[in-house]
Full PDB file with SEQRES, HELIX, SHEET, SSBOND, CRYST1, ORIGX, SCALE, CONECT and MASTER records, all heavy atoms in Angstrom:
SEQRES   1 A   38  ARG ASP ASN GLY LYS ASN THR VAL TYR LEU GLN MET ASN          
SEQRES   2 A   38  SER LEU LYS PRO GLU ASP THR ALA THR TYR TYR CYS ALA          
SEQRES   3 A   38  ALA VAL ASP ARG ALA TYR TYR GLY SER SER TRP GLN              
HELIX    1 AA1 PRO A   17  ASP A   19  5                                   3    
CRYST1    1.000    1.000    1.000  90.00  90.00  90.00 P 1           1          
ORIGX1      1.000000  0.000000  0.000000        0.00000                         
ORIGX2      0.000000  1.000000  0.000000        0.00000                         
ORIGX3      0.000000  0.000000  1.000000        0.00000                         
SCALE1      1.000000  0.000000  0.000000        0.00000                         
SCALE2      0.000000  1.000000  0.000000        0.00000                         
SCALE3      0.000000  0.000000  1.000000        0.00000                         
ATOM      1  N   ARG A   1      -6.208   5.144  -4.931  1.00  0.00           N  
ATOM      2  CA  ARG A   1      -6.449   6.116  -3.863  1.00  0.00           C  
ATOM      3  C   ARG A   1      -7.667   6.959  -4.210  1.00  0.00           C  
ATOM      4  O   ARG A   1      -7.946   7.220  -5.384  1.00  0.00           O  
ATOM      5  CB  ARG A   1      -5.215   6.992  -3.638  1.00  0.00           C  
ATOM      6  CG  ARG A   1      -4.853   7.909  -4.798  1.00  0.00           C  
ATOM      7  CD  ARG A   1      -3.489   8.559  -4.569  1.00  0.00           C  
ATOM      8  NE  ARG A   1      -3.478   9.425  -3.402  1.00  0.00           N  
ATOM      9  CZ  ARG A   1      -2.362   9.826  -2.776  1.00  0.00           C  
ATOM     10  NH1 ARG A   1      -1.180   9.424  -3.228  1.00  0.00           N  
ATOM     11  NH2 ARG A   1      -2.440  10.615  -1.723  1.00  0.00           N  
ATOM     12  N   ASP A   2      -8.352   7.379  -3.169  1.00  0.00           N  
ATOM     13  CA  ASP A   2      -9.481   8.287  -3.291  1.00  0.00           C  
ATOM     14  C   ASP A   2      -9.145   9.491  -2.428  1.00  0.00           C  
ATOM     15  O   ASP A   2      -9.307   9.453  -1.207  1.00  0.00           O  
ATOM     16  CB  ASP A   2     -10.768   7.606  -2.835  1.00  0.00           C  
ATOM     17  CG  ASP A   2     -11.997   8.464  -3.067  1.00  0.00           C  
ATOM     18  OD1 ASP A   2     -11.872   9.701  -3.103  1.00  0.00           O  
ATOM     19  OD2 ASP A   2     -13.089   7.895  -3.200  1.00  0.00           O  
ATOM     20  N   ASN A   3      -8.672  10.554  -3.066  1.00  0.00           N  
ATOM     21  CA  ASN A   3      -8.246  11.731  -2.297  1.00  0.00           C  
ATOM     22  C   ASN A   3      -9.419  12.404  -1.598  1.00  0.00           C  
ATOM     23  O   ASN A   3      -9.237  13.058  -0.574  1.00  0.00           O  
ATOM     24  CB  ASN A   3      -7.527  12.714  -3.212  1.00  0.00           C  
ATOM     25  CG  ASN A   3      -6.158  12.202  -3.640  1.00  0.00           C  
ATOM     26  OD1 ASN A   3      -5.551  11.361  -2.983  1.00  0.00           O  
ATOM     27  ND2 ASN A   3      -5.671  12.712  -4.767  1.00  0.00           N  
ATOM     28  N   GLY A   4     -10.615  12.246  -2.135  1.00  0.00           N  
ATOM     29  CA  GLY A   4     -11.788  12.833  -1.494  1.00  0.00           C  
ATOM     30  C   GLY A   4     -12.149  12.132  -0.192  1.00  0.00           C  
ATOM     31  O   GLY A   4     -12.754  12.726   0.696  1.00  0.00           O  
ATOM     32  N   LYS A   5     -11.766  10.869  -0.082  1.00  0.00           N  
ATOM     33  CA  LYS A   5     -12.067  10.084   1.121  1.00  0.00           C  
ATOM     34  C   LYS A   5     -10.832   9.849   1.979  1.00  0.00           C  
ATOM     35  O   LYS A   5     -10.903   9.134   2.978  1.00  0.00           O  
ATOM     36  CB  LYS A   5     -12.674   8.738   0.730  1.00  0.00           C  
ATOM     37  CG  LYS A   5     -14.026   8.835   0.042  1.00  0.00           C  
ATOM     38  CD  LYS A   5     -14.590   7.452  -0.256  1.00  0.00           C  
ATOM     39  CE  LYS A   5     -15.964   7.567  -0.898  1.00  0.00           C  
ATOM     40  NZ  LYS A   5     -16.539   6.232  -1.205  1.00  0.00           N  
ATOM     41  N   ASN A   6      -9.705  10.434   1.580  1.00  0.00           N  
ATOM     42  CA  ASN A   6      -8.446  10.225   2.328  1.00  0.00           C  
ATOM     43  C   ASN A   6      -8.169   8.732   2.545  1.00  0.00           C  
ATOM     44  O   ASN A   6      -7.805   8.307   3.655  1.00  0.00           O  
ATOM     45  CB  ASN A   6      -8.495  10.933   3.690  1.00  0.00           C  
ATOM     46  CG  ASN A   6      -8.241  12.420   3.574  1.00  0.00           C  
ATOM     47  OD1 ASN A   6      -8.324  12.994   2.481  1.00  0.00           O  
ATOM     48  ND2 ASN A   6      -7.947  13.066   4.678  1.00  0.00           N  
ATOM     49  N   THR A   7      -8.344   7.953   1.520  1.00  0.00           N  
ATOM     50  CA  THR A   7      -8.221   6.509   1.637  1.00  0.00           C  
ATOM     51  C   THR A   7      -7.403   5.941   0.482  1.00  0.00           C  
ATOM     52  O   THR A   7      -7.540   6.389  -0.667  1.00  0.00           O  
ATOM     53  CB  THR A   7      -9.614   5.843   1.671  1.00  0.00           C  
ATOM     54  OG1 THR A   7     -10.358   6.373   2.767  1.00  0.00           O  
ATOM     55  CG2 THR A   7      -9.490   4.335   1.849  1.00  0.00           C  
ATOM     56  N   VAL A   8      -6.583   4.974   0.809  1.00  0.00           N  
ATOM     57  CA  VAL A   8      -5.846   4.224  -0.198  1.00  0.00           C  
ATOM     58  C   VAL A   8      -6.253   2.753  -0.079  1.00  0.00           C  
ATOM     59  O   VAL A   8      -6.540   2.273   1.017  1.00  0.00           O  
ATOM     60  CB  VAL A   8      -4.324   4.415  -0.042  1.00  0.00           C  
ATOM     61  CG1 VAL A   8      -3.824   3.882   1.283  1.00  0.00           C  
ATOM     62  CG2 VAL A   8      -3.568   3.778  -1.200  1.00  0.00           C  
ATOM     63  N   TYR A   9      -6.314   2.082  -1.211  1.00  0.00           N  
ATOM     64  CA  TYR A   9      -6.780   0.708  -1.264  1.00  0.00           C  
ATOM     65  C   TYR A   9      -5.720  -0.199  -1.870  1.00  0.00           C  
ATOM     66  O   TYR A   9      -4.868   0.247  -2.656  1.00  0.00           O  
ATOM     67  CB  TYR A   9      -8.046   0.608  -2.124  1.00  0.00           C  
ATOM     68  CG  TYR A   9      -9.161   1.525  -1.693  1.00  0.00           C  
ATOM     69  CD1 TYR A   9      -9.351   2.760  -2.307  1.00  0.00           C  
ATOM     70  CD2 TYR A   9     -10.037   1.159  -0.670  1.00  0.00           C  
ATOM     71  CE1 TYR A   9     -10.372   3.614  -1.917  1.00  0.00           C  
ATOM     72  CE2 TYR A   9     -11.061   2.007  -0.280  1.00  0.00           C  
ATOM     73  CZ  TYR A   9     -11.218   3.227  -0.904  1.00  0.00           C  
ATOM     74  OH  TYR A   9     -12.236   4.076  -0.506  1.00  0.00           O  
ATOM     75  N   LEU A  10      -5.805  -1.458  -1.506  1.00  0.00           N  
ATOM     76  CA  LEU A  10      -4.984  -2.471  -2.154  1.00  0.00           C  
ATOM     77  C   LEU A  10      -5.899  -3.645  -2.491  1.00  0.00           C  
ATOM     78  O   LEU A  10      -6.328  -4.373  -1.598  1.00  0.00           O  
ATOM     79  CB  LEU A  10      -3.836  -2.929  -1.256  1.00  0.00           C  
ATOM     80  CG  LEU A  10      -2.860  -3.907  -1.914  1.00  0.00           C  
ATOM     81  CD1 LEU A  10      -2.066  -3.194  -3.025  1.00  0.00           C  
ATOM     82  CD2 LEU A  10      -1.900  -4.501  -0.892  1.00  0.00           C  
ATOM     83  N   GLN A  11      -6.215  -3.781  -3.770  1.00  0.00           N  
ATOM     84  CA  GLN A  11      -7.012  -4.910  -4.235  1.00  0.00           C  
ATOM     85  C   GLN A  11      -6.075  -6.057  -4.535  1.00  0.00           C  
ATOM     86  O   GLN A  11      -5.160  -5.919  -5.358  1.00  0.00           O  
ATOM     87  CB  GLN A  11      -7.792  -4.520  -5.487  1.00  0.00           C  
ATOM     88  CG  GLN A  11      -8.630  -5.648  -6.080  1.00  0.00           C  
ATOM     89  CD  GLN A  11      -9.756  -6.077  -5.170  1.00  0.00           C  
ATOM     90  OE1 GLN A  11     -10.461  -5.260  -4.606  1.00  0.00           O  
ATOM     91  NE2 GLN A  11      -9.934  -7.395  -5.033  1.00  0.00           N  
ATOM     92  N   MET A  12      -6.302  -7.176  -3.863  1.00  0.00           N  
ATOM     93  CA  MET A  12      -5.413  -8.325  -4.006  1.00  0.00           C  
ATOM     94  C   MET A  12      -6.195  -9.487  -4.599  1.00  0.00           C  
ATOM     95  O   MET A  12      -7.151  -9.975  -3.979  1.00  0.00           O  
ATOM     96  CB  MET A  12      -4.832  -8.713  -2.644  1.00  0.00           C  
ATOM     97  CG  MET A  12      -4.132  -7.563  -1.942  1.00  0.00           C  
ATOM     98  SD  MET A  12      -3.312  -8.057  -0.415  1.00  0.00           S  
ATOM     99  CE  MET A  12      -4.721  -8.505   0.580  1.00  0.00           C  
ATOM    100  N   ASN A  13      -5.816  -9.895  -5.787  1.00  0.00           N  
ATOM    101  CA  ASN A  13      -6.459 -11.001  -6.476  1.00  0.00           C  
ATOM    102  C   ASN A  13      -5.481 -12.163  -6.641  1.00  0.00           C  
ATOM    103  O   ASN A  13      -4.266 -11.986  -6.505  1.00  0.00           O  
ATOM    104  CB  ASN A  13      -6.960 -10.555  -7.846  1.00  0.00           C  
ATOM    105  CG  ASN A  13      -7.994  -9.449  -7.770  1.00  0.00           C  
ATOM    106  OD1 ASN A  13      -8.773  -9.374  -6.815  1.00  0.00           O  
ATOM    107  ND2 ASN A  13      -8.022  -8.590  -8.775  1.00  0.00           N  
ATOM    108  N   SER A  14      -6.017 -13.320  -6.939  1.00  0.00           N  
ATOM    109  CA  SER A  14      -5.192 -14.518  -7.166  1.00  0.00           C  
ATOM    110  C   SER A  14      -4.183 -14.702  -6.039  1.00  0.00           C  
ATOM    111  O   SER A  14      -2.989 -14.920  -6.280  1.00  0.00           O  
ATOM    112  CB  SER A  14      -4.474 -14.414  -8.524  1.00  0.00           C  
ATOM    113  OG  SER A  14      -5.392 -14.258  -9.573  1.00  0.00           O  
ATOM    114  N   LEU A  15      -4.663 -14.617  -4.838  1.00  0.00           N  
ATOM    115  CA  LEU A  15      -3.768 -14.689  -3.680  1.00  0.00           C  
ATOM    116  C   LEU A  15      -3.114 -16.051  -3.564  1.00  0.00           C  
ATOM    117  O   LEU A  15      -3.697 -17.094  -3.909  1.00  0.00           O  
ATOM    118  CB  LEU A  15      -4.543 -14.363  -2.408  1.00  0.00           C  
ATOM    119  CG  LEU A  15      -4.801 -12.864  -2.206  1.00  0.00           C  
ATOM    120  CD1 LEU A  15      -5.939 -12.634  -1.226  1.00  0.00           C  
ATOM    121  CD2 LEU A  15      -3.531 -12.168  -1.729  1.00  0.00           C  
ATOM    122  N   LYS A  16      -1.887 -16.012  -3.081  1.00  0.00           N  
ATOM    123  CA  LYS A  16      -1.081 -17.215  -2.923  1.00  0.00           C  
ATOM    124  C   LYS A  16      -0.692 -17.360  -1.451  1.00  0.00           C  
ATOM    125  O   LYS A  16      -0.628 -16.364  -0.715  1.00  0.00           O  
ATOM    126  CB  LYS A  16       0.194 -17.112  -3.759  1.00  0.00           C  
ATOM    127  CG  LYS A  16      -0.038 -16.864  -5.238  1.00  0.00           C  
ATOM    128  CD  LYS A  16       1.282 -16.646  -5.957  1.00  0.00           C  
ATOM    129  CE  LYS A  16       1.076 -16.370  -7.441  1.00  0.00           C  
ATOM    130  NZ  LYS A  16       2.373 -16.150  -8.152  1.00  0.00           N  
ATOM    131  N   PRO A  17      -0.396 -18.572  -1.006  1.00  0.00           N  
ATOM    132  CA  PRO A  17       0.031 -18.740   0.399  1.00  0.00           C  
ATOM    133  C   PRO A  17       1.239 -17.865   0.749  1.00  0.00           C  
ATOM    134  O   PRO A  17       1.332 -17.389   1.885  1.00  0.00           O  
ATOM    135  CB  PRO A  17       0.374 -20.228   0.468  1.00  0.00           C  
ATOM    136  CG  PRO A  17      -0.521 -20.855  -0.534  1.00  0.00           C  
ATOM    137  CD  PRO A  17      -0.595 -19.875  -1.665  1.00  0.00           C  
ATOM    138  N   GLU A  18       2.106 -17.618  -0.199  1.00  0.00           N  
ATOM    139  CA  GLU A  18       3.276 -16.776   0.068  1.00  0.00           C  
ATOM    140  C   GLU A  18       2.930 -15.305   0.237  1.00  0.00           C  
ATOM    141  O   GLU A  18       3.802 -14.501   0.582  1.00  0.00           O  
ATOM    142  CB  GLU A  18       4.337 -16.952  -1.021  1.00  0.00           C  
ATOM    143  CG  GLU A  18       3.821 -16.797  -2.427  1.00  0.00           C  
ATOM    144  CD  GLU A  18       3.509 -18.129  -3.086  1.00  0.00           C  
ATOM    145  OE1 GLU A  18       2.884 -18.989  -2.427  1.00  0.00           O  
ATOM    146  OE2 GLU A  18       3.861 -18.298  -4.275  1.00  0.00           O  
ATOM    147  N   ASP A  19       1.682 -14.937   0.009  1.00  0.00           N  
ATOM    148  CA  ASP A  19       1.243 -13.563   0.287  1.00  0.00           C  
ATOM    149  C   ASP A  19       0.875 -13.375   1.759  1.00  0.00           C  
ATOM    150  O   ASP A  19       0.593 -12.255   2.189  1.00  0.00           O  
ATOM    151  CB  ASP A  19       0.027 -13.209  -0.572  1.00  0.00           C  
ATOM    152  CG  ASP A  19       0.352 -13.148  -2.053  1.00  0.00           C  
ATOM    153  OD1 ASP A  19       1.417 -12.610  -2.410  1.00  0.00           O  
ATOM    154  OD2 ASP A  19      -0.477 -13.637  -2.856  1.00  0.00           O  
ATOM    155  N   THR A  20       0.872 -14.457   2.517  1.00  0.00           N  
ATOM    156  CA  THR A  20       0.539 -14.380   3.936  1.00  0.00           C  
ATOM    157  C   THR A  20       1.541 -13.488   4.663  1.00  0.00           C  
ATOM    158  O   THR A  20       2.751 -13.700   4.584  1.00  0.00           O  
ATOM    159  CB  THR A  20       0.535 -15.782   4.558  1.00  0.00           C  
ATOM    160  OG1 THR A  20      -0.513 -16.550   3.965  1.00  0.00           O  
ATOM    161  CG2 THR A  20       0.328 -15.708   6.064  1.00  0.00           C  
ATOM    162  N   ALA A  21       1.024 -12.474   5.355  1.00  0.00           N  
ATOM    163  CA  ALA A  21       1.870 -11.508   6.049  1.00  0.00           C  
ATOM    164  C   ALA A  21       0.982 -10.498   6.763  1.00  0.00           C  
ATOM    165  O   ALA A  21      -0.238 -10.470   6.550  1.00  0.00           O  
ATOM    166  CB  ALA A  21       2.786 -10.775   5.062  1.00  0.00           C  
ATOM    167  N   THR A  22       1.615  -9.676   7.576  1.00  0.00           N  
ATOM    168  CA  THR A  22       0.951  -8.484   8.083  1.00  0.00           C  
ATOM    169  C   THR A  22       1.199  -7.371   7.080  1.00  0.00           C  
ATOM    170  O   THR A  22       2.349  -7.116   6.710  1.00  0.00           O  
ATOM    171  CB  THR A  22       1.486  -8.094   9.460  1.00  0.00           C  
ATOM    172  OG1 THR A  22       1.263  -9.169  10.363  1.00  0.00           O  
ATOM    173  CG2 THR A  22       0.789  -6.850   9.974  1.00  0.00           C  
ATOM    174  N   TYR A  23       0.132  -6.738   6.653  1.00  0.00           N  
ATOM    175  CA  TYR A  23       0.231  -5.676   5.649  1.00  0.00           C  
ATOM    176  C   TYR A  23       0.112  -4.317   6.326  1.00  0.00           C  
ATOM    177  O   TYR A  23      -0.806  -4.084   7.131  1.00  0.00           O  
ATOM    178  CB  TYR A  23      -0.862  -5.839   4.603  1.00  0.00           C  
ATOM    179  CG  TYR A  23      -0.554  -6.948   3.615  1.00  0.00           C  
ATOM    180  CD1 TYR A  23      -0.562  -8.277   4.001  1.00  0.00           C  
ATOM    181  CD2 TYR A  23      -0.210  -6.655   2.299  1.00  0.00           C  
ATOM    182  CE1 TYR A  23      -0.260  -9.292   3.101  1.00  0.00           C  
ATOM    183  CE2 TYR A  23       0.094  -7.658   1.388  1.00  0.00           C  
ATOM    184  CZ  TYR A  23       0.071  -8.974   1.801  1.00  0.00           C  
ATOM    185  OH  TYR A  23       0.383  -9.974   0.895  1.00  0.00           O  
ATOM    186  N   TYR A  24       1.032  -3.439   5.974  1.00  0.00           N  
ATOM    187  CA  TYR A  24       1.088  -2.113   6.569  1.00  0.00           C  
ATOM    188  C   TYR A  24       0.885  -1.037   5.502  1.00  0.00           C  
ATOM    189  O   TYR A  24       1.473  -1.110   4.411  1.00  0.00           O  
ATOM    190  CB  TYR A  24       2.451  -1.877   7.228  1.00  0.00           C  
ATOM    191  CG  TYR A  24       2.749  -2.793   8.377  1.00  0.00           C  
ATOM    192  CD1 TYR A  24       3.419  -3.994   8.178  1.00  0.00           C  
ATOM    193  CD2 TYR A  24       2.362  -2.456   9.678  1.00  0.00           C  
ATOM    194  CE1 TYR A  24       3.699  -4.850   9.229  1.00  0.00           C  
ATOM    195  CE2 TYR A  24       2.646  -3.295  10.743  1.00  0.00           C  
ATOM    196  CZ  TYR A  24       3.308  -4.492  10.513  1.00  0.00           C  
ATOM    197  OH  TYR A  24       3.584  -5.328  11.558  1.00  0.00           O  
ATOM    198  N   CYS A  25       0.099  -0.062   5.870  1.00  0.00           N  
ATOM    199  CA  CYS A  25      -0.055   1.143   5.065  1.00  0.00           C  
ATOM    200  C   CYS A  25       0.970   2.162   5.548  1.00  0.00           C  
ATOM    201  O   CYS A  25       1.234   2.263   6.757  1.00  0.00           O  
ATOM    202  CB  CYS A  25      -1.470   1.671   5.242  1.00  0.00           C  
ATOM    203  SG  CYS A  25      -1.831   3.222   4.410  1.00  0.00           S  
ATOM    204  N   ALA A  26       1.530   2.924   4.633  1.00  0.00           N  
ATOM    205  CA  ALA A  26       2.545   3.912   4.999  1.00  0.00           C  
ATOM    206  C   ALA A  26       2.393   5.155   4.139  1.00  0.00           C  
ATOM    207  O   ALA A  26       1.849   5.095   3.025  1.00  0.00           O  
ATOM    208  CB  ALA A  26       3.942   3.321   4.828  1.00  0.00           C  
ATOM    209  N   ALA A  27       2.894   6.264   4.662  1.00  0.00           N  
ATOM    210  CA  ALA A  27       2.777   7.534   3.953  1.00  0.00           C  
ATOM    211  C   ALA A  27       4.060   8.344   4.083  1.00  0.00           C  
ATOM    212  O   ALA A  27       4.744   8.298   5.105  1.00  0.00           O  
ATOM    213  CB  ALA A  27       1.607   8.349   4.523  1.00  0.00           C  
ATOM    214  N   VAL A  28       4.355   9.067   3.030  1.00  0.00           N  
ATOM    215  CA  VAL A  28       5.478  10.015   3.048  1.00  0.00           C  
ATOM    216  C   VAL A  28       4.968  11.313   2.437  1.00  0.00           C  
ATOM    217  O   VAL A  28       4.267  11.303   1.428  1.00  0.00           O  
ATOM    218  CB  VAL A  28       6.714   9.461   2.306  1.00  0.00           C  
ATOM    219  CG1 VAL A  28       6.385   9.048   0.887  1.00  0.00           C  
ATOM    220  CG2 VAL A  28       7.839  10.478   2.313  1.00  0.00           C  
ATOM    221  N   ASP A  29       5.330  12.440   3.077  1.00  0.00           N  
ATOM    222  CA  ASP A  29       4.720  13.722   2.738  1.00  0.00           C  
ATOM    223  C   ASP A  29       5.422  14.431   1.589  1.00  0.00           C  
ATOM    224  O   ASP A  29       5.788  15.599   1.693  1.00  0.00           O  
ATOM    225  CB  ASP A  29       4.648  14.630   3.974  1.00  0.00           C  
ATOM    226  CG  ASP A  29       6.023  14.903   4.572  1.00  0.00           C  
ATOM    227  OD1 ASP A  29       6.999  14.253   4.146  1.00  0.00           O  
ATOM    228  OD2 ASP A  29       6.115  15.788   5.449  1.00  0.00           O  
ATOM    229  N   ARG A  30       5.599  13.708   0.498  1.00  0.00           N  
ATOM    230  CA  ARG A  30       6.174  14.298  -0.714  1.00  0.00           C  
ATOM    231  C   ARG A  30       5.981  13.316  -1.854  1.00  0.00           C  
ATOM    232  O   ARG A  30       5.581  12.179  -1.626  1.00  0.00           O  
ATOM    233  CB  ARG A  30       7.671  14.587  -0.520  1.00  0.00           C  
ATOM    234  CG  ARG A  30       8.499  13.370  -0.152  1.00  0.00           C  
ATOM    235  CD  ARG A  30       9.942  13.739   0.123  1.00  0.00           C  
ATOM    236  NE  ARG A  30      10.705  12.631   0.678  1.00  0.00           N  
ATOM    237  CZ  ARG A  30      11.345  11.748  -0.046  1.00  0.00           C  
ATOM    238  NH1 ARG A  30      11.311  11.833  -1.361  1.00  0.00           N  
ATOM    239  NH2 ARG A  30      12.040  10.771   0.526  1.00  0.00           N  
ATOM    240  N   ALA A  31       6.260  13.775  -3.037  1.00  0.00           N  
ATOM    241  CA  ALA A  31       6.230  12.872  -4.184  1.00  0.00           C  
ATOM    242  C   ALA A  31       7.443  11.957  -4.091  1.00  0.00           C  
ATOM    243  O   ALA A  31       8.581  12.425  -4.045  1.00  0.00           O  
ATOM    244  CB  ALA A  31       6.246  13.655  -5.476  1.00  0.00           C  
ATOM    245  N   TYR A  32       7.186  10.667  -4.032  1.00  0.00           N  
ATOM    246  CA  TYR A  32       8.258   9.685  -3.854  1.00  0.00           C  
ATOM    247  C   TYR A  32       8.025   8.555  -4.832  1.00  0.00           C  
ATOM    248  O   TYR A  32       6.899   8.062  -4.979  1.00  0.00           O  
ATOM    249  CB  TYR A  32       8.262   9.170  -2.418  1.00  0.00           C  
ATOM    250  CG  TYR A  32       9.287   8.088  -2.142  1.00  0.00           C  
ATOM    251  CD1 TYR A  32      10.642   8.376  -2.162  1.00  0.00           C  
ATOM    252  CD2 TYR A  32       8.886   6.794  -1.867  1.00  0.00           C  
ATOM    253  CE1 TYR A  32      11.579   7.381  -1.915  1.00  0.00           C  
ATOM    254  CE2 TYR A  32       9.806   5.789  -1.620  1.00  0.00           C  
ATOM    255  CZ  TYR A  32      11.158   6.093  -1.645  1.00  0.00           C  
ATOM    256  OH  TYR A  32      12.082   5.106  -1.405  1.00  0.00           O  
ATOM    257  N   TYR A  33       9.077   8.145  -5.496  1.00  0.00           N  
ATOM    258  CA  TYR A  33       8.945   7.136  -6.543  1.00  0.00           C  
ATOM    259  C   TYR A  33       9.806   5.903  -6.269  1.00  0.00           C  
ATOM    260  O   TYR A  33      10.085   5.129  -7.177  1.00  0.00           O  
ATOM    261  CB  TYR A  33       9.300   7.751  -7.899  1.00  0.00           C  
ATOM    262  CG  TYR A  33       8.363   8.865  -8.289  1.00  0.00           C  
ATOM    263  CD1 TYR A  33       8.670  10.192  -8.014  1.00  0.00           C  
ATOM    264  CD2 TYR A  33       7.148   8.592  -8.911  1.00  0.00           C  
ATOM    265  CE1 TYR A  33       7.805  11.213  -8.351  1.00  0.00           C  
ATOM    266  CE2 TYR A  33       6.274   9.607  -9.253  1.00  0.00           C  
ATOM    267  CZ  TYR A  33       6.608  10.917  -8.967  1.00  0.00           C  
ATOM    268  OH  TYR A  33       5.746  11.925  -9.297  1.00  0.00           O  
ATOM    269  N   GLY A  34      10.207   5.731  -5.010  1.00  0.00           N  
ATOM    270  CA  GLY A  34      11.025   4.594  -4.664  1.00  0.00           C  
ATOM    271  C   GLY A  34      10.256   3.524  -3.920  1.00  0.00           C  
ATOM    272  O   GLY A  34       9.024   3.560  -3.825  1.00  0.00           O  
ATOM    273  N   SER A  35      10.988   2.566  -3.339  1.00  0.00           N  
ATOM    274  CA  SER A  35      10.368   1.443  -2.646  1.00  0.00           C  
ATOM    275  C   SER A  35      10.988   1.165  -1.286  1.00  0.00           C  
ATOM    276  O   SER A  35      10.779   0.092  -0.719  1.00  0.00           O  
ATOM    277  CB  SER A  35      10.460   0.187  -3.524  1.00  0.00           C  
ATOM    278  OG  SER A  35      11.816  -0.116  -3.802  1.00  0.00           O  
ATOM    279  N   SER A  36      11.721   2.111  -0.750  1.00  0.00           N  
ATOM    280  CA  SER A  36      12.393   1.911   0.528  1.00  0.00           C  
ATOM    281  C   SER A  36      11.466   2.247   1.681  1.00  0.00           C  
ATOM    282  O   SER A  36      10.964   3.374   1.771  1.00  0.00           O  
ATOM    283  CB  SER A  36      13.637   2.788   0.600  1.00  0.00           C  
ATOM    284  OG  SER A  36      14.193   2.752   1.904  1.00  0.00           O  
ATOM    285  N   TRP A  37      11.265   1.297   2.588  1.00  0.00           N  
ATOM    286  CA  TRP A  37      10.344   1.563   3.695  1.00  0.00           C  
ATOM    287  C   TRP A  37      10.898   2.650   4.624  1.00  0.00           C  
ATOM    288  O   TRP A  37      10.137   3.345   5.294  1.00  0.00           O  
ATOM    289  CB  TRP A  37      10.037   0.295   4.469  1.00  0.00           C  
ATOM    290  CG  TRP A  37      11.184  -0.317   5.226  1.00  0.00           C  
ATOM    291  CD1 TRP A  37      12.021  -1.305   4.811  1.00  0.00           C  
ATOM    292  CD2 TRP A  37      11.593   0.019   6.557  1.00  0.00           C  
ATOM    293  NE1 TRP A  37      12.929  -1.602   5.778  1.00  0.00           N  
ATOM    294  CE2 TRP A  37      12.701  -0.809   6.876  1.00  0.00           C  
ATOM    295  CE3 TRP A  37      11.144   0.945   7.511  1.00  0.00           C  
ATOM    296  CZ2 TRP A  37      13.343  -0.746   8.098  1.00  0.00           C  
ATOM    297  CZ3 TRP A  37      11.789   1.006   8.733  1.00  0.00           C  
ATOM    298  CH2 TRP A  37      12.881   0.170   9.017  1.00  0.00           C  
ATOM    299  N   GLN A  38      12.206   2.800   4.631  1.00  0.00           N  
ATOM    300  CA  GLN A  38      12.803   3.824   5.500  1.00  0.00           C  
ATOM    301  C   GLN A  38      12.401   5.245   5.095  1.00  0.00           C  
ATOM    302  O   GLN A  38      12.520   6.176   5.887  1.00  0.00           O  
ATOM    303  CB  GLN A  38      14.334   3.718   5.500  1.00  0.00           C  
ATOM    304  CG  GLN A  38      14.877   2.473   6.177  1.00  0.00           C  
ATOM    305  CD  GLN A  38      15.161   1.356   5.210  1.00  0.00           C  
ATOM    306  OE1 GLN A  38      14.551   1.272   4.143  1.00  0.00           O  
ATOM    307  NE2 GLN A  38      16.084   0.498   5.563  1.00  0.00           N  
TER     308      GLN A  38                                                      
MASTER        0    0    0    1    0    0    0    6  307    1    0    3          
END                                                                             
C-alpha cells in the first residue's frame, strides 16, 4: 500500500490457470487481521 497515493497493490507472479477469477479490492475502517469478506 501507498498511503500517500491512497492506493493498494497486488503483485501477482508465477500465475496459474487456477488464479483465473474476478479480483475485488475491499476496505474495512479499522485494524483487522482476519480473512472474512463479510
